[in-house]
Amino acid sequence: MCVALLGAGACSGGDEKKTGKDDKVEPIAGTKAPGGDGAPKTSRAVVTIAPEDGATGVATDGALKVSASAGKLTRVTVTGSEGGKPVEGTIAPDGASWVPSSALQTGTKYAVSATATDAAGLVSALQSSFTTLTPANTNYGVFNIDANETYGVGMIVSLEFTKPVRDKAVVNRAVTVTSEPAVDVKGHWFGNQRLDFRPEKYWTPGTKVTLHLDLDGKQTSPGVYGKQKKDVTFTVGRAQTSVADNTAHTLTVTRDGAVLKKLPASLGDPENTTYNGKMTIMSKEPTVHMNSQSVGLAKGVYDIPDVPHGMRLSVTGTYVHGNYWRDPPPFGKENTSHGCVSLQDVKGGGDPNTAAAWFYKESLIGDVVEVIHSPDKVIAPDNGWSGWSMDWAGWTAAS
């Protein structure tokens, strides 16, 4: 605890100068000189700062408090060494205390300056500094977006935490997603390490979407602290969605409300059906090595090292991809894949006129591909970025 008073005393040397009755005595800066008495007055207000000056290893939440007795706080400034941005906080209505609005950052030195005024208008001031703790255990939210990139209208912002989150309420306040123009964006927890965000309907083209991370200093679990404090903004591109019809053997591409192209396709065969539901393109890979063991099938069922124009739709291995090895070509006629949506292509993927090459070129990460009329179940919303397969009521129930 640190206590200091401004103007508590004065020093003089040699002979004192005598003054006449008409001489004026100027008040000391920051104090008030009552009429008829030229002596400087000391403020009765006492400022107290916790933690004490020079403290180290200070907790990021609950440790910092500024108070005043026999007076009211008039100004409190707290500045961290990381960037020097003032810490937001509020002086209580009675002027007796000030606390920060949120947790402080870890491993940061803070300077505190506070003033208070007593009933006579005399000012007391105090300065102090301290350093917050450096945590032994940290937690990061690994997110799936890059700053300044353009994504499709179905882009779901997804974070996978490196450690389990026990206090989800803390993370819910510290991690948010906003947009311009503004829409309601909600987070949904899958277990205790994954948090996804989406609006009720697809994003509007041209929308600016920002992920706000204010995790530094927040305890995500007892003794485990977040370490991120940043914003990441991306732009939503044109409105493109596609529907893969298991019965019609087609992939119909719609852009900005009009059908752009209907492509002959081949989906999962009767023993290896394709998931129904809305899936989001997670990645674009010019060449993918696909083998049966990677999707839980027996070794040797298939092993193709150079599948062209791969666009991942699920964690479990669902892709839209090119197919050059089927003879005769099944596209538009029958379902022969092992659960993927396959399009006509050539070995090496070098022909831009093939259906797979065209779709690959025209697609963005974040575009939605919906599968209909398949005998399979609807894909789980946490299998890839498939949260659009969950209705809004279900999504917001775990927000």
Protein backbone atom coordinates (compact mmCIF):
# COMPACT_ATOMS: atom_id res chain seq x y z
CA MET A 1 0.00 0.00 0.00
CA CYS A 2 1.35 3.42 -0.96
CA VAL A 3 0.24 6.72 0.58
CA ALA A 4 1.54 10.22 -0.32
CA LEU A 5 0.41 13.77 0.27
CA LEU A 6 1.15 16.70 -2.04
CA GLY A 7 2.30 19.95 -0.45
CA ALA A 8 2.93 18.48 3.01
CA GLY A 9 5.81 20.84 3.80
CA ALA A 10 8.17 23.59 2.55
CA CYS A 11 11.91 24.27 2.94
CA SER A 12 13.60 27.67 3.46
CA GLY A 13 17.11 28.86 4.20
CA GLY A 14 18.74 32.04 5.58
CA ASP A 15 16.70 35.00 6.81
CA GLU A 16 13.00 34.97 6.18
CA LYS A 17 11.65 37.86 4.13
CA LYS A 18 9.22 40.05 6.02
CA THR A 19 6.12 41.19 4.23
CA GLY A 20 3.83 44.07 4.78
CA LYS A 21 0.12 43.80 5.27
CA ASP A 22 -0.48 44.61 1.61
CA ASP A 23 1.91 41.95 0.32
CA LYS A 24 0.26 38.93 -1.38
CA VAL A 25 1.27 35.30 -0.88
CA GLU A 26 0.68 33.10 -3.97
CA PRO A 27 -0.83 29.65 -3.24
CA ILE A 28 1.23 26.56 -3.99
CA ALA A 29 0.20 24.97 -7.29
CA GLY A 30 -2.54 22.44 -6.80
CA THR A 31 -3.69 23.87 -3.44
CA LYS A 32 -5.98 26.63 -2.34
CA ALA A 33 -4.89 29.54 -0.12
CA PRO A 34 -7.78 30.50 2.21
CA GLY A 35 -8.39 34.22 2.66
CA GLY A 36 -6.20 35.94 5.24
CA ASP A 37 -3.81 33.02 5.67
CA GLY A 38 -0.81 32.84 3.31
CA ALA A 39 0.51 29.47 4.58
CA PRO A 40 0.11 26.56 2.14
CA LYS A 41 -2.50 24.02 3.17
CA THR A 42 -2.25 20.25 2.97
CA SER A 43 -5.05 18.23 1.38
CA ARG A 44 -6.87 15.93 3.75
CA ALA A 45 -7.54 13.48 0.89
CA VAL A 46 -5.43 10.33 1.02
CA VAL A 47 -4.86 8.28 -2.14
CA THR A 48 -4.11 4.57 -1.81
CA ILE A 49 -2.95 2.23 -4.60
CA ALA A 50 -2.94 -1.54 -4.38
CA PRO A 51 -0.72 -3.43 -5.09
CA GLU A 52 2.18 -1.66 -3.43
CA ASP A 53 4.76 0.24 -5.44
CA GLY A 54 7.31 -2.07 -7.09
CA ALA A 55 5.27 -5.25 -6.61
CA THR A 56 5.90 -8.13 -9.02
CA GLY A 57 3.96 -11.27 -9.91
CA VAL A 58 0.70 -9.38 -9.47
CA ALA A 59 -2.54 -11.13 -10.40
CA THR A 60 -4.13 -9.85 -13.60
CA ASP A 61 -7.64 -9.73 -12.15
CA GLY A 62 -8.79 -8.28 -8.84
CA ALA A 63 -5.44 -7.03 -7.54
CA LEU A 64 -5.43 -3.45 -8.88
CA LYS A 65 -7.54 -0.97 -6.95
CA VAL A 66 -7.20 2.76 -6.35
CA SER A 67 -9.07 4.39 -3.46
CA ALA A 68 -9.41 7.70 -1.67
CA SER A 69 -10.32 8.60 1.90
CA ALA A 70 -11.33 12.02 3.20
CA GLY A 71 -11.84 13.09 -0.41
CA LYS A 72 -12.86 11.94 -3.87
CA LEU A 73 -10.83 10.58 -6.74
CA THR A 74 -10.76 12.98 -9.67
CA ARG A 75 -8.38 11.25 -12.08
CA VAL A 76 -6.83 7.78 -12.41
CA THR A 77 -4.48 6.84 -15.24
CA VAL A 78 -3.04 3.34 -15.64
CA THR A 79 -0.67 2.68 -18.55
CA GLY A 80 0.99 -0.58 -19.51
CA SER A 81 4.42 -0.99 -21.02
CA GLU A 82 2.89 -3.06 -23.85
CA GLY A 83 1.93 -0.34 -26.32
CA GLY A 84 1.29 2.28 -23.68
CA LYS A 85 -2.48 2.30 -24.15
CA PRO A 86 -4.36 3.49 -21.04
CA VAL A 87 -6.28 0.85 -19.13
CA GLU A 88 -10.01 1.49 -19.09
CA GLY A 89 -11.66 1.76 -15.71
CA THR A 90 -14.37 3.53 -13.74
CA ILE A 91 -14.36 5.81 -10.72
CA ALA A 92 -17.19 4.86 -8.36
CA PRO A 93 -20.09 7.37 -8.08
CA ASP A 94 -18.99 8.31 -4.56
CA GLY A 95 -15.42 8.95 -5.76
CA ALA A 96 -14.00 6.53 -3.21
CA SER A 97 -12.57 3.90 -5.55
CA TRP A 98 -11.48 2.97 -9.09
CA VAL A 99 -11.12 -0.48 -10.64
CA PRO A 100 -10.13 -1.57 -14.16
CA SER A 101 -12.89 -2.66 -16.53
CA SER A 102 -11.21 -5.97 -17.39
CA ALA A 103 -8.20 -8.11 -16.55
CA LEU A 104 -4.71 -6.75 -17.08
CA GLN A 105 -2.19 -8.31 -19.44
CA THR A 106 0.32 -10.84 -18.19
CA GLY A 107 4.04 -10.07 -17.83
CA THR A 108 3.45 -6.32 -18.14
CA LYS A 109 4.71 -3.37 -16.11
CA TYR A 110 2.00 -0.83 -15.28
CA ALA A 111 2.34 2.79 -14.14
CA VAL A 112 -0.47 4.24 -12.02
CA SER A 113 -1.15 7.94 -11.42
CA ALA A 114 -4.08 9.14 -9.32
CA THR A 115 -5.35 12.39 -7.83
CA ALA A 116 -8.04 13.14 -5.26
CA THR A 117 -9.59 16.35 -3.91
CA ASP A 118 -10.84 17.02 -0.40
CA ALA A 119 -13.84 19.12 0.65
CA ALA A 120 -11.76 22.30 0.58
CA GLY A 121 -10.65 21.67 -2.99
CA LEU A 122 -7.10 20.75 -2.05
CA VAL A 123 -5.45 18.09 -4.23
CA SER A 124 -3.52 14.99 -3.24
CA ALA A 125 -1.64 12.86 -5.79
CA LEU A 126 0.15 9.52 -5.89
CA GLN A 127 2.16 7.55 -8.44
CA SER A 128 3.04 3.88 -8.35
CA SER A 129 4.11 0.98 -10.57
CA PHE A 130 3.93 -2.81 -10.50
CA THR A 131 4.42 -5.82 -12.79
CA THR A 132 1.88 -8.56 -13.45
CA LEU A 133 2.65 -12.26 -13.28
CA THR A 134 4.16 -14.30 -16.10
CA PRO A 135 2.06 -17.48 -16.23
CA ALA A 136 3.56 -20.95 -16.30
CA ASN A 137 0.55 -22.29 -18.23
CA THR A 138 -0.92 -20.50 -21.24
CA ASN A 139 -3.82 -21.17 -23.59
CA TYR A 140 -4.10 -20.08 -27.22
CA GLY A 141 -7.09 -20.06 -29.54
CA VAL A 142 -5.84 -21.36 -32.92
CA PHE A 143 -8.16 -19.74 -35.49
CA ASN A 144 -8.92 -20.58 -39.11
CA ILE A 145 -8.86 -17.17 -40.80
CA ASP A 146 -6.11 -14.95 -42.21
CA ALA A 147 -6.18 -11.17 -42.01
CA ASN A 148 -7.26 -9.29 -45.14
CA GLU A 149 -8.26 -12.45 -47.01
CA THR A 150 -11.54 -12.93 -48.91
CA TYR A 151 -13.78 -15.86 -47.97
CA GLY A 152 -17.12 -17.24 -49.09
CA VAL A 153 -20.51 -16.31 -47.61
CA GLY A 154 -20.57 -19.49 -45.51
CA MET A 155 -17.28 -18.86 -43.72
CA ILE A 156 -17.47 -19.99 -40.09
CA VAL A 157 -14.88 -18.53 -37.71
CA SER A 158 -13.50 -21.44 -35.71
CA LEU A 159 -11.05 -21.52 -32.78
CA GLU A 160 -9.41 -24.61 -31.34
CA PHE A 161 -7.89 -23.95 -27.90
CA THR A 162 -4.59 -25.56 -27.06
CA LYS A 163 -5.86 -26.44 -23.56
CA PRO A 164 -9.35 -27.27 -22.26
CA VAL A 165 -11.42 -24.25 -21.23
CA ARG A 166 -13.04 -24.53 -17.84
CA ASP A 167 -14.40 -21.00 -17.53
CA LYS A 168 -16.35 -20.56 -20.77
CA ALA A 169 -18.01 -17.39 -19.47
CA VAL A 170 -14.61 -15.68 -19.33
CA VAL A 171 -13.80 -16.75 -22.89
CA ASN A 172 -17.25 -15.74 -24.13
CA ARG A 173 -16.56 -12.20 -22.95
CA ALA A 174 -13.00 -12.16 -24.26
CA VAL A 175 -13.59 -13.62 -27.75
CA THR A 176 -16.21 -12.04 -30.01
CA VAL A 177 -16.93 -11.63 -33.73
CA THR A 178 -18.45 -8.46 -35.20
CA SER A 179 -19.28 -7.34 -38.72
CA GLU A 180 -19.86 -4.28 -40.90
CA PRO A 181 -22.72 -4.05 -41.72
CA ALA A 182 -23.65 -5.35 -38.30
CA VAL A 183 -25.49 -8.66 -37.87
CA ASP A 184 -26.01 -10.84 -34.82
CA VAL A 185 -23.08 -13.29 -34.59
CA LYS A 186 -23.15 -16.06 -32.00
CA GLY A 187 -20.54 -18.48 -30.76
CA HIS A 188 -21.20 -22.19 -30.26
CA TRP A 189 -19.09 -24.51 -28.10
CA PHE A 190 -18.24 -28.01 -29.26
CA GLY A 191 -16.83 -29.62 -26.13
CA ASN A 192 -14.42 -27.57 -24.03
CA GLN A 193 -11.77 -26.69 -26.62
CA ARG A 194 -13.59 -25.60 -29.78
CA LEU A 195 -15.60 -22.39 -30.26
CA ASP A 196 -17.20 -21.55 -33.65
CA PHE A 197 -18.94 -18.32 -34.73
CA ARG A 198 -21.56 -17.67 -37.42
CA PRO A 199 -24.59 -15.44 -38.09
CA GLU A 200 -28.11 -16.86 -38.50
CA LYS A 201 -27.91 -16.66 -42.30
CA TYR A 202 -24.99 -16.55 -44.71
CA TRP A 203 -22.89 -13.38 -44.70
CA THR A 204 -23.82 -10.62 -47.13
CA PRO A 205 -21.22 -10.14 -49.90
CA GLY A 206 -18.79 -7.33 -49.10
CA THR A 207 -19.21 -7.67 -45.32
CA LYS A 208 -16.13 -6.97 -43.17
CA VAL A 209 -15.89 -9.54 -40.40
CA THR A 210 -13.58 -9.12 -37.40
CA LEU A 211 -12.49 -11.64 -34.81
CA HIS A 212 -11.66 -9.87 -31.53
CA LEU A 213 -9.28 -11.68 -29.19
CA ASP A 214 -8.88 -10.19 -25.71
CA LEU A 215 -7.59 -13.28 -23.93
CA ASP A 216 -4.33 -11.96 -22.47
CA GLY A 217 -4.58 -12.04 -18.69
CA LYS A 218 -7.86 -13.98 -18.61
CA GLN A 219 -7.89 -17.29 -16.75
CA THR A 220 -9.47 -19.85 -19.08
CA SER A 221 -9.01 -22.47 -16.37
CA PRO A 222 -7.55 -22.17 -12.85
CA GLY A 223 -3.89 -21.24 -13.25
CA VAL A 224 -4.11 -21.23 -17.08
CA TYR A 225 -4.01 -17.83 -18.81
CA GLY A 226 -4.83 -16.68 -22.31
CA LYS A 227 -2.05 -14.90 -24.22
CA GLN A 228 -3.72 -13.28 -27.25
CA LYS A 229 -4.80 -9.68 -27.71
CA LYS A 230 -5.47 -8.85 -31.35
CA ASP A 231 -8.10 -8.29 -34.05
CA VAL A 232 -8.26 -10.23 -37.32
CA THR A 233 -10.46 -8.91 -40.15
CA PHE A 234 -11.49 -10.57 -43.41
CA THR A 235 -13.85 -9.69 -46.28
CA VAL A 236 -16.77 -11.71 -47.60
CA GLY A 237 -16.71 -12.25 -51.36
CA ARG A 238 -19.48 -12.92 -53.88
CA ALA A 239 -22.43 -15.12 -52.88
CA GLN A 240 -21.74 -18.61 -54.21
CA THR A 241 -23.31 -21.83 -52.98
CA SER A 242 -23.53 -25.26 -54.61
CA VAL A 243 -25.89 -28.21 -54.30
CA ALA A 244 -24.74 -31.78 -54.97
CA ASP A 245 -27.77 -33.93 -55.79
CA ASN A 246 -27.12 -37.60 -55.02
CA THR A 247 -30.08 -38.72 -57.15
CA ALA A 248 -29.58 -36.43 -60.17
CA HIS A 249 -25.77 -36.90 -60.11
CA THR A 250 -25.18 -33.16 -60.50
CA LEU A 251 -23.43 -30.27 -58.79
CA THR A 252 -25.40 -27.07 -59.37
CA VAL A 253 -23.46 -23.85 -58.76
CA THR A 254 -25.43 -20.69 -57.91
CA ARG A 255 -23.85 -17.25 -57.72
CA ASP A 256 -25.58 -14.06 -56.60
CA GLY A 257 -28.98 -15.71 -56.92
CA ALA A 258 -28.60 -17.15 -60.43
CA VAL A 259 -27.52 -20.62 -61.57
CA LEU A 260 -23.98 -20.29 -62.88
CA LYS A 261 -23.41 -23.87 -64.05
CA LYS A 262 -24.72 -27.41 -63.58
CA LEU A 263 -21.87 -29.94 -63.55
CA PRO A 264 -22.17 -33.72 -63.99
CA ALA A 265 -20.99 -35.37 -60.76
CA SER A 266 -20.56 -38.72 -59.08
CA LEU A 267 -21.18 -39.06 -55.34
CA GLY A 268 -20.73 -41.94 -52.89
CA ASP A 269 -21.67 -45.44 -53.98
CA PRO A 270 -24.29 -47.44 -52.02
CA GLU A 271 -21.65 -48.89 -49.66
CA ASN A 272 -19.82 -45.57 -49.14
CA THR A 273 -22.52 -42.90 -49.14
CA THR A 274 -21.93 -39.15 -48.98
CA TYR A 275 -23.09 -37.14 -45.96
CA ASN A 276 -26.19 -35.01 -46.42
CA GLY A 277 -26.13 -31.41 -45.24
CA LYS A 278 -24.32 -28.12 -45.65
CA MET A 279 -20.54 -28.25 -45.64
CA THR A 280 -18.04 -25.42 -46.03
CA ILE A 281 -14.96 -25.58 -48.22
CA MET A 282 -12.09 -25.71 -45.72
CA SER A 283 -9.10 -25.78 -48.07
CA LYS A 284 -8.10 -25.86 -51.72
CA GLU A 285 -5.35 -28.35 -52.53
CA PRO A 286 -4.05 -28.71 -56.11
CA THR A 287 -3.12 -32.34 -55.45
CA VAL A 288 -4.26 -34.67 -52.66
CA HIS A 289 -2.96 -38.14 -51.77
CA MET A 290 -6.04 -40.22 -50.98
CA ASN A 291 -6.01 -43.74 -49.62
CA SER A 292 -8.67 -45.96 -48.11
CA GLN A 293 -7.03 -46.28 -44.69
CA SER A 294 -7.29 -42.52 -44.10
CA VAL A 295 -11.10 -42.79 -44.06
CA GLY A 296 -11.34 -46.02 -42.09
CA LEU A 297 -11.52 -48.47 -44.99
CA ALA A 298 -9.33 -51.53 -45.47
CA LYS A 299 -5.83 -51.15 -46.82
CA GLY A 300 -5.60 -51.43 -50.57
CA VAL A 301 -9.21 -50.52 -51.41
CA TYR A 302 -7.73 -47.48 -53.11
CA ASP A 303 -4.52 -45.48 -53.01
CA ILE A 304 -4.31 -42.51 -55.40
CA PRO A 305 -1.31 -40.22 -54.81
CA ASP A 306 -2.27 -37.44 -57.25
CA VAL A 307 -5.98 -36.64 -56.94
CA PRO A 308 -6.34 -33.25 -58.66
CA HIS A 309 -8.29 -30.15 -57.58
CA GLY A 310 -9.11 -31.19 -54.02
CA MET A 311 -11.47 -29.05 -51.92
CA ARG A 312 -11.90 -30.41 -48.38
CA LEU A 313 -15.42 -30.41 -46.90
CA SER A 314 -14.95 -32.40 -43.68
CA VAL A 315 -12.33 -33.49 -41.20
CA THR A 316 -13.21 -37.12 -41.90
CA GLY A 317 -12.17 -36.89 -45.55
CA THR A 318 -15.10 -35.63 -47.62
CA TYR A 319 -13.87 -33.68 -50.65
CA VAL A 320 -15.04 -32.22 -53.90
CA HIS A 321 -12.26 -33.36 -56.23
CA GLY A 322 -11.27 -34.24 -59.74
CA ASN A 323 -11.42 -37.82 -61.01
CA TYR A 324 -9.40 -39.01 -64.02
CA TRP A 325 -9.24 -42.77 -63.38
CA ARG A 326 -12.85 -43.92 -63.82
CA ASP A 327 -13.50 -45.58 -67.18
CA PRO A 328 -16.13 -45.27 -68.47
CA PRO A 329 -16.74 -41.84 -66.85
CA PRO A 330 -19.60 -42.06 -64.32
CA PHE A 331 -20.28 -38.32 -64.02
CA GLY A 332 -23.95 -37.45 -64.34
CA LYS A 333 -24.85 -41.16 -64.55
CA GLU A 334 -24.05 -43.08 -61.36
CA ASN A 335 -22.48 -42.76 -57.94
CA THR A 336 -19.12 -44.53 -57.73
CA SER A 337 -17.00 -42.62 -55.18
CA HIS A 338 -16.16 -43.54 -51.60
CA GLY A 339 -18.17 -40.64 -50.15
CA CYS A 340 -16.74 -37.64 -51.99
CA VAL A 341 -18.27 -35.45 -54.70
CA SER A 342 -16.15 -36.20 -57.77
CA LEU A 343 -16.01 -34.25 -61.03
CA GLN A 344 -14.48 -35.04 -64.42
CA ASP A 345 -10.76 -34.22 -64.66
CA VAL A 346 -7.52 -35.29 -66.35
CA LYS A 347 -4.38 -36.74 -64.80
CA GLY A 348 -2.25 -33.88 -63.51
CA GLY A 349 -5.23 -31.51 -63.59
CA GLY A 350 -3.75 -29.52 -66.46
CA ASP A 351 -6.90 -29.05 -68.57
CA PRO A 352 -8.73 -25.86 -67.48
CA ASN A 353 -11.83 -26.91 -69.42
CA THR A 354 -12.68 -29.87 -67.17
CA ALA A 355 -15.50 -29.59 -64.64
CA ALA A 356 -13.16 -30.08 -61.68
CA ALA A 357 -10.69 -27.43 -62.89
CA TRP A 358 -13.51 -24.93 -63.47
CA PHE A 359 -15.11 -25.50 -60.06
CA TYR A 360 -11.75 -25.29 -58.31
CA LYS A 361 -10.97 -21.97 -60.00
CA GLU A 362 -14.40 -20.48 -59.24
CA SER A 363 -14.52 -21.51 -55.56
CA LEU A 364 -13.43 -19.73 -52.40
CA ILE A 365 -12.64 -21.16 -49.01
CA GLY A 366 -15.86 -20.49 -47.12
CA ASP A 367 -18.21 -21.39 -49.99
CA VAL A 368 -20.97 -23.82 -49.01
CA VAL A 369 -21.56 -27.16 -50.74
CA GLU A 370 -24.84 -28.82 -49.74
CA VAL A 371 -25.52 -32.50 -50.39
CA ILE A 372 -29.15 -33.57 -50.84
CA HIS A 373 -31.04 -36.84 -51.43
CA SER A 374 -28.27 -39.04 -50.05
CA PRO A 375 -29.27 -42.10 -47.98
CA ASP A 376 -26.63 -41.10 -45.42
CA LYS A 377 -27.16 -39.01 -42.27
CA VAL A 378 -26.69 -35.24 -42.02
CA ILE A 379 -23.08 -34.35 -41.33
CA ALA A 380 -22.25 -33.44 -37.72
CA PRO A 381 -21.87 -29.66 -37.28
CA ASP A 382 -18.38 -30.05 -35.81
CA ASN A 383 -17.14 -32.26 -38.66
CA GLY A 384 -15.28 -29.53 -40.49
CA TRP A 385 -17.04 -26.17 -40.60
CA SER A 386 -20.47 -27.69 -41.01
CA GLY A 387 -22.33 -25.56 -38.48
CA TRP A 388 -24.83 -24.50 -41.17
CA SER A 389 -26.34 -27.97 -40.84
CA MET A 390 -27.56 -26.96 -37.35
CA ASP A 391 -30.60 -24.70 -37.01
CA TRP A 392 -30.26 -21.32 -35.32
CA ALA A 393 -32.11 -22.40 -32.18
CA GLY A 394 -29.69 -25.26 -31.67
CA TRP A 395 -26.71 -23.06 -32.45
CA THR A 396 -27.62 -20.34 -29.94
CA ALA A 397 -28.51 -22.85 -27.23
CA ALA A 398 -24.79 -23.50 -26.64
CA SER A 399 -23.59 -19.94 -27.23
